[in-house]
Each structure stands twice: as C-alpha cells, then as structure tokens.
Amino acid sequence: MTTSWKADRSKLSHEEAELLKKTKQPLITGLSGDELGALVGRVRGMREKERTLTRDMRRAISGRKGERGSSFPGNVEQPSQRKAIFASALKRLNAEAARRRADEAKEATTAALRKALKRKNAAQRTFPDPGRTARRGMANLQSGRRHAVLDRADVGRAVQTTKAAQAKRDAR
C-alpha cells in the first residue's frame, strides 16, 4: 500500500528522510553507479534492522520467547510501517539498477550489431558461379534415351508392318 511522502516522513528521523529522498524520481537518476550501490546497501540494512525489530516485538508479545535486550517502546505497527517504507525505497532502487543494466545491455547489443554490419558491408562480396545461363536462347541437350537403330535391310519390313497394322485399325 502506498502512502504519501509526508506520512512516510513523519515516521522517519531527519537523516533517514534525507537518505530516502534520494530514492525518489528526479534525484535517483542523478546518482552514479557507485552511489546507487552504496545507497542500496544502506537502505537494505535499515530494512533488515526494522524487520528484526518487528519480529522480536511480535515474539515478545506472543510470549514465545523472552524479550531480547531492553524493553521495546510502542507497538508493533510503527516498526512494520517503517520496514514497509524502507522496502518501497529499496524496490525503487532495485528498479533503477535494473533499468540501468538493461540500458547498458541494449547499448552493448546495438554497438555489436553496428560493428557486425560495418564488417559485412566492408567485406568483398563473392558470388558463386551461376552455372548455365540462357544467353543465345536455349541450348540443345543430348537426350539420355537410346535411339532405336534398325538394320537397313529391315527398314522396308518395319514400314510394311506398320502400314498393315494401321490398315487393320482403320477397317474396324
């Protein structure tokens, strides 16, 4: 559940509020990578501290274990709300870090693709031999079939046989 910055600030100390103000939008983009990493570590530590405090208070209230250290002032709600504030700040920081990683990856990919395109355009193009082409019309191809070769003496007999067969068909 989101709350207003004014409500969040009322639950934080001045130093914590100043630190978390850096996690808001116009200021978070101005942070360097090292500053962002350091801020993530500090906010994560604050969240873990509030989480431990909340857990210990709940254990003491339920009677499962004795209190650790001195007594806790107030109720469980205040530390859990503070933990939620730190968790939302950490979520913003992680999202910014992920956005920066994605931008860097996109830039690296774009640079690699541009480099590959430059190499491709600079390369000497070689084309394979096109093989046979139709320049002066189609070329005669030798048939793979064998020609029936008749002996010269049998030519007349073959012609007469064909002639007789045709006459028989015509007579039907």
C-alpha atoms as a PDB file:
ATOM      1  CA  MET A   1       0.000   0.000   0.000  1.00  0.00           C
ATOM      2  CA  THR A   2       1.440   3.349  -0.985  1.00  0.00           C
ATOM      3  CA  THR A   3       1.385   6.270   1.353  1.00  0.00           C
ATOM      4  CA  SER A   4       2.214   9.911   0.856  1.00  0.00           C
ATOM      5  CA  TRP A   5       5.744  11.151   1.317  1.00  0.00           C
ATOM      6  CA  LYS A   6       4.522  13.433   4.100  1.00  0.00           C
ATOM      7  CA  ALA A   7       3.101  10.457   6.036  1.00  0.00           C
ATOM      8  CA  ASP A   8       6.272   8.452   5.451  1.00  0.00           C
ATOM      9  CA  ARG A   9       8.498  11.312   6.565  1.00  0.00           C
ATOM     10  CA  SER A  10       6.612  11.604   9.860  1.00  0.00           C
ATOM     11  CA  LYS A  11       7.697   8.052  10.773  1.00  0.00           C
ATOM     12  CA  LEU A  12      11.376   8.610   9.942  1.00  0.00           C
ATOM     13  CA  SER A  13      14.203  10.552  11.514  1.00  0.00           C
ATOM     14  CA  HIS A  14      15.612  13.540   9.663  1.00  0.00           C
ATOM     15  CA  GLU A  15      18.710  11.617   8.479  1.00  0.00           C
ATOM     16  CA  GLU A  16      16.607   8.689   7.252  1.00  0.00           C
ATOM     17  CA  ALA A  17      14.225  11.031   5.436  1.00  0.00           C
ATOM     18  CA  GLU A  18      17.123  12.799   3.710  1.00  0.00           C
ATOM     19  CA  LEU A  19      18.579   9.458   2.693  1.00  0.00           C
ATOM     20  CA  LEU A  20      15.256   8.163   1.342  1.00  0.00           C
ATOM     21  CA  LYS A  21      14.627  11.423  -0.511  1.00  0.00           C
ATOM     22  CA  LYS A  22      17.447  10.350  -2.843  1.00  0.00           C
ATOM     23  CA  THR A  23      15.402   7.289  -3.826  1.00  0.00           C
ATOM     24  CA  LYS A  24      12.629   9.428  -5.313  1.00  0.00           C
ATOM     25  CA  GLN A  25      12.477  10.027  -9.040  1.00  0.00           C
ATOM     26  CA  PRO A  26      14.290  13.188 -10.044  1.00  0.00           C
ATOM     27  CA  LEU A  27      17.179  12.552  -7.674  1.00  0.00           C
ATOM     28  CA  ILE A  28      17.607   8.817  -8.261  1.00  0.00           C
ATOM     29  CA  THR A  29      18.533   9.292 -11.930  1.00  0.00           C
ATOM     30  CA  GLY A  30      21.327  11.683 -10.958  1.00  0.00           C
ATOM     31  CA  LEU A  31      23.124   9.118  -8.814  1.00  0.00           C
ATOM     32  CA  SER A  32      26.252   7.446 -10.152  1.00  0.00           C
ATOM     33  CA  GLY A  33      26.540   3.665 -10.206  1.00  0.00           C
ATOM     34  CA  ASP A  34      28.710   3.590  -7.091  1.00  0.00           C
ATOM     35  CA  GLU A  35      26.404   5.934  -5.180  1.00  0.00           C
ATOM     36  CA  LEU A  36      23.411   3.818  -6.194  1.00  0.00           C
ATOM     37  CA  GLY A  37      25.126   0.630  -4.965  1.00  0.00           C
ATOM     38  CA  ALA A  38      26.067   2.245  -1.652  1.00  0.00           C
ATOM     39  CA  LEU A  39      22.541   3.571  -1.186  1.00  0.00           C
ATOM     40  CA  VAL A  40      21.066   0.125  -1.878  1.00  0.00           C
ATOM     41  CA  GLY A  41      23.305  -1.347   0.818  1.00  0.00           C
ATOM     42  CA  ARG A  42      22.353   1.285   3.402  1.00  0.00           C
ATOM     43  CA  VAL A  43      18.605   1.051   2.711  1.00  0.00           C
ATOM     44  CA  ARG A  44      18.765  -2.741   2.783  1.00  0.00           C
ATOM     45  CA  GLY A  45      20.499  -2.577   6.174  1.00  0.00           C
ATOM     46  CA  MET A  46      17.806  -0.230   7.522  1.00  0.00           C
ATOM     47  CA  ARG A  47      15.051  -2.526   6.270  1.00  0.00           C
ATOM     48  CA  GLU A  48      16.693  -5.572   7.845  1.00  0.00           C
ATOM     49  CA  LYS A  49      17.037  -3.719  11.144  1.00  0.00           C
ATOM     50  CA  GLU A  50      13.324  -2.838  11.166  1.00  0.00           C
ATOM     51  CA  ARG A  51      12.410  -6.384  10.126  1.00  0.00           C
ATOM     52  CA  THR A  52      14.399  -7.823  13.032  1.00  0.00           C
ATOM     53  CA  LEU A  53      12.875  -5.297  15.433  1.00  0.00           C
ATOM     54  CA  THR A  54       9.350  -6.143  14.259  1.00  0.00           C
ATOM     55  CA  ARG A  55       9.985  -9.882  14.538  1.00  0.00           C
ATOM     56  CA  ASP A  56      11.410  -9.562  18.045  1.00  0.00           C
ATOM     57  CA  MET A  57       8.463  -7.429  19.187  1.00  0.00           C
ATOM     58  CA  ARG A  58       5.972  -9.960  17.834  1.00  0.00           C
ATOM     59  CA  ARG A  59       7.812 -12.802  19.581  1.00  0.00           C
ATOM     60  CA  ALA A  60       7.800 -10.906  22.870  1.00  0.00           C
ATOM     61  CA  ILE A  61       4.102 -10.010  22.598  1.00  0.00           C
ATOM     62  CA  SER A  62       3.050 -13.566  21.735  1.00  0.00           C
ATOM     63  CA  GLY A  63       5.098 -14.901  24.651  1.00  0.00           C
ATOM     64  CA  ARG A  64       7.018 -17.453  22.589  1.00  0.00           C
ATOM     65  CA  LYS A  65      10.354 -16.161  23.720  1.00  0.00           C
ATOM     66  CA  GLY A  66      11.535 -13.601  26.158  1.00  0.00           C
ATOM     67  CA  GLU A  67      12.472 -10.141  25.069  1.00  0.00           C
ATOM     68  CA  ARG A  68      15.926  -9.729  23.658  1.00  0.00           C
ATOM     69  CA  GLY A  69      17.746  -6.814  25.156  1.00  0.00           C
ATOM     70  CA  SER A  70      15.847  -3.957  26.759  1.00  0.00           C
ATOM     71  CA  SER A  71      12.106  -3.458  26.502  1.00  0.00           C
ATOM     72  CA  PHE A  72      10.585  -2.163  23.286  1.00  0.00           C
ATOM     73  CA  PRO A  73       8.651   1.068  23.396  1.00  0.00           C
ATOM     74  CA  GLY A  74       5.405   1.354  21.457  1.00  0.00           C
ATOM     75  CA  ASN A  75       3.593  -1.274  19.474  1.00  0.00           C
ATOM     76  CA  VAL A  76       4.477  -3.484  16.506  1.00  0.00           C
ATOM     77  CA  GLU A  77       2.825  -1.209  13.934  1.00  0.00           C
ATOM     78  CA  GLN A  78       5.455   1.528  13.907  1.00  0.00           C
ATOM     79  CA  PRO A  79       8.451  -0.719  13.036  1.00  0.00           C
ATOM     80  CA  SER A  80       6.428  -2.649  10.452  1.00  0.00           C
ATOM     81  CA  GLN A  81       5.363   0.607   8.774  1.00  0.00           C
ATOM     82  CA  ARG A  82       8.956   1.811   8.789  1.00  0.00           C
ATOM     83  CA  LYS A  83      10.008  -1.525   7.285  1.00  0.00           C
ATOM     84  CA  ALA A  84       7.443  -1.028   4.528  1.00  0.00           C
ATOM     85  CA  ILE A  85       8.822   2.459   3.828  1.00  0.00           C
ATOM     86  CA  PHE A  86      12.359   1.089   3.529  1.00  0.00           C
ATOM     87  CA  ALA A  87      11.129  -1.827   1.407  1.00  0.00           C
ATOM     88  CA  SER A  88       9.439   0.522  -1.073  1.00  0.00           C
ATOM     89  CA  ALA A  89      12.602   2.648  -1.243  1.00  0.00           C
ATOM     90  CA  LEU A  90      14.632  -0.494  -1.881  1.00  0.00           C
ATOM     91  CA  LYS A  91      12.181  -1.506  -4.586  1.00  0.00           C
ATOM     92  CA  ARG A  92      12.695   1.855  -6.324  1.00  0.00           C
ATOM     93  CA  LEU A  93      16.467   1.491  -6.083  1.00  0.00           C
ATOM     94  CA  ASN A  94      16.417  -2.050  -7.472  1.00  0.00           C
ATOM     95  CA  ALA A  95      14.184  -0.953 -10.346  1.00  0.00           C
ATOM     96  CA  GLU A  96      16.594   1.864 -11.207  1.00  0.00           C
ATOM     97  CA  ALA A  97      19.555  -0.532 -11.101  1.00  0.00           C
ATOM     98  CA  ALA A  98      17.691  -2.986 -13.364  1.00  0.00           C
ATOM     99  CA  ARG A  99      16.811  -0.168 -15.774  1.00  0.00           C
ATOM    100  CA  ARG A 100      20.460   0.874 -15.954  1.00  0.00           C
ATOM    101  CA  ARG A 101      21.589  -2.718 -16.567  1.00  0.00           C
ATOM    102  CA  ALA A 102      19.016  -3.050 -19.352  1.00  0.00           C
ATOM    103  CA  ASP A 103      20.196   0.219 -20.940  1.00  0.00           C
ATOM    104  CA  GLU A 104      23.809  -0.938 -20.805  1.00  0.00           C
ATOM    105  CA  ALA A 105      22.898  -4.299 -22.355  1.00  0.00           C
ATOM    106  CA  LYS A 106      20.908  -2.578 -25.092  1.00  0.00           C
ATOM    107  CA  GLU A 107      23.810  -0.240 -25.864  1.00  0.00           C
ATOM    108  CA  ALA A 108      26.261  -3.152 -25.982  1.00  0.00           C
ATOM    109  CA  THR A 109      23.984  -5.141 -28.297  1.00  0.00           C
ATOM    110  CA  THR A 110      23.458  -2.140 -30.560  1.00  0.00           C
ATOM    111  CA  ALA A 111      27.198  -1.497 -30.735  1.00  0.00           C
ATOM    112  CA  ALA A 112      27.911  -5.143 -31.581  1.00  0.00           C
ATOM    113  CA  LEU A 113      25.254  -5.154 -34.304  1.00  0.00           C
ATOM    114  CA  ARG A 114      26.596  -1.922 -35.818  1.00  0.00           C
ATOM    115  CA  LYS A 115      30.098  -3.378 -35.797  1.00  0.00           C
ATOM    116  CA  ALA A 116      28.884  -6.580 -37.495  1.00  0.00           C
ATOM    117  CA  LEU A 117      27.014  -4.559 -40.141  1.00  0.00           C
ATOM    118  CA  LYS A 118      30.114  -2.468 -40.786  1.00  0.00           C
ATOM    119  CA  ARG A 119      32.198  -5.643 -41.253  1.00  0.00           C
ATOM    120  CA  LYS A 120      29.570  -7.120 -43.557  1.00  0.00           C
ATOM    121  CA  ASN A 121      29.423  -4.018 -45.728  1.00  0.00           C
ATOM    122  CA  ALA A 122      33.221  -3.777 -45.891  1.00  0.00           C
ATOM    123  CA  ALA A 123      33.732  -7.415 -46.887  1.00  0.00           C
ATOM    124  CA  GLN A 124      34.442  -8.273 -50.532  1.00  0.00           C
ATOM    125  CA  ARG A 125      31.375  -9.975 -51.876  1.00  0.00           C
ATOM    126  CA  THR A 126      31.936 -13.190 -53.742  1.00  0.00           C
ATOM    127  CA  PHE A 127      29.150 -14.847 -55.636  1.00  0.00           C
ATOM    128  CA  PRO A 128      29.107 -18.465 -56.744  1.00  0.00           C
ATOM    129  CA  ASP A 129      29.295 -19.397 -60.443  1.00  0.00           C
ATOM    130  CA  PRO A 130      25.742 -19.163 -61.772  1.00  0.00           C
ATOM    131  CA  GLY A 131      26.146 -22.232 -63.954  1.00  0.00           C
ATOM    132  CA  ARG A 132      24.423 -22.423 -67.321  1.00  0.00           C
ATOM    133  CA  THR A 133      22.530 -19.334 -68.364  1.00  0.00           C
ATOM    134  CA  ALA A 134      20.309 -18.586 -71.365  1.00  0.00           C
ATOM    135  CA  ARG A 135      22.356 -16.094 -73.370  1.00  0.00           C
ATOM    136  CA  ARG A 136      21.692 -17.016 -77.003  1.00  0.00           C
ATOM    137  CA  GLY A 137      18.497 -18.933 -76.398  1.00  0.00           C
ATOM    138  CA  MET A 138      18.145 -22.452 -75.199  1.00  0.00           C
ATOM    139  CA  ALA A 139      20.922 -24.901 -75.831  1.00  0.00           C
ATOM    140  CA  ASN A 140      20.255 -28.334 -77.254  1.00  0.00           C
ATOM    141  CA  LEU A 141      20.562 -31.001 -74.658  1.00  0.00           C
ATOM    142  CA  GLN A 142      21.532 -34.510 -75.598  1.00  0.00           C
ATOM    143  CA  SER A 143      18.803 -36.940 -74.752  1.00  0.00           C
ATOM    144  CA  GLY A 144      19.631 -39.747 -72.442  1.00  0.00           C
ATOM    145  CA  ARG A 145      17.373 -42.151 -74.322  1.00  0.00           C
ATOM    146  CA  ARG A 146      18.802 -44.546 -76.863  1.00  0.00           C
ATOM    147  CA  HIS A 147      17.668 -44.232 -80.453  1.00  0.00           C
ATOM    148  CA  ALA A 148      16.231 -47.358 -81.983  1.00  0.00           C
ATOM    149  CA  VAL A 149      18.637 -48.338 -84.735  1.00  0.00           C
ATOM    150  CA  LEU A 150      17.231 -50.600 -87.452  1.00  0.00           C
ATOM    151  CA  ASP A 151      19.252 -52.558 -89.848  1.00  0.00           C
ATOM    152  CA  ARG A 152      18.865 -51.106 -93.379  1.00  0.00           C
ATOM    153  CA  ALA A 153      17.560 -54.419 -94.579  1.00  0.00           C
ATOM    154  CA  ASP A 154      14.765 -54.382 -92.008  1.00  0.00           C
ATOM    155  CA  VAL A 155      13.531 -50.848 -92.764  1.00  0.00           C
ATOM    156  CA  GLY A 156      11.137 -51.922 -95.503  1.00  0.00           C
ATOM    157  CA  ARG A 157       9.735 -54.732 -93.426  1.00  0.00           C
ATOM    158  CA  ALA A 158       9.128 -52.397 -90.448  1.00  0.00           C
ATOM    159  CA  VAL A 159       7.392 -49.868 -92.654  1.00  0.00           C
ATOM    160  CA  GLN A 160       5.205 -52.559 -94.219  1.00  0.00           C
ATOM    161  CA  THR A 161       4.285 -53.971 -90.772  1.00  0.00           C
ATOM    162  CA  THR A 162       3.249 -50.544 -89.545  1.00  0.00           C
ATOM    163  CA  LYS A 163       1.256 -49.924 -92.704  1.00  0.00           C
ATOM    164  CA  ALA A 164      -0.617 -53.211 -92.351  1.00  0.00           C
ATOM    165  CA  ALA A 165      -1.389 -52.612 -88.677  1.00  0.00           C
ATOM    166  CA  GLN A 166      -2.760 -49.163 -89.441  1.00  0.00           C
ATOM    167  CA  ALA A 167      -4.985 -50.533 -92.242  1.00  0.00           C
ATOM    168  CA  LYS A 168      -6.353 -53.170 -89.866  1.00  0.00           C
ATOM    169  CA  ARG A 169      -7.254 -50.495 -87.294  1.00  0.00           C
ATOM    170  CA  ASP A 170      -8.891 -48.321 -89.917  1.00  0.00           C
ATOM    171  CA  ALA A 171     -11.031 -51.224 -91.110  1.00  0.00           C
ATOM    172  CA  ARG A 172     -12.722 -51.693 -87.768  1.00  0.00           C
END
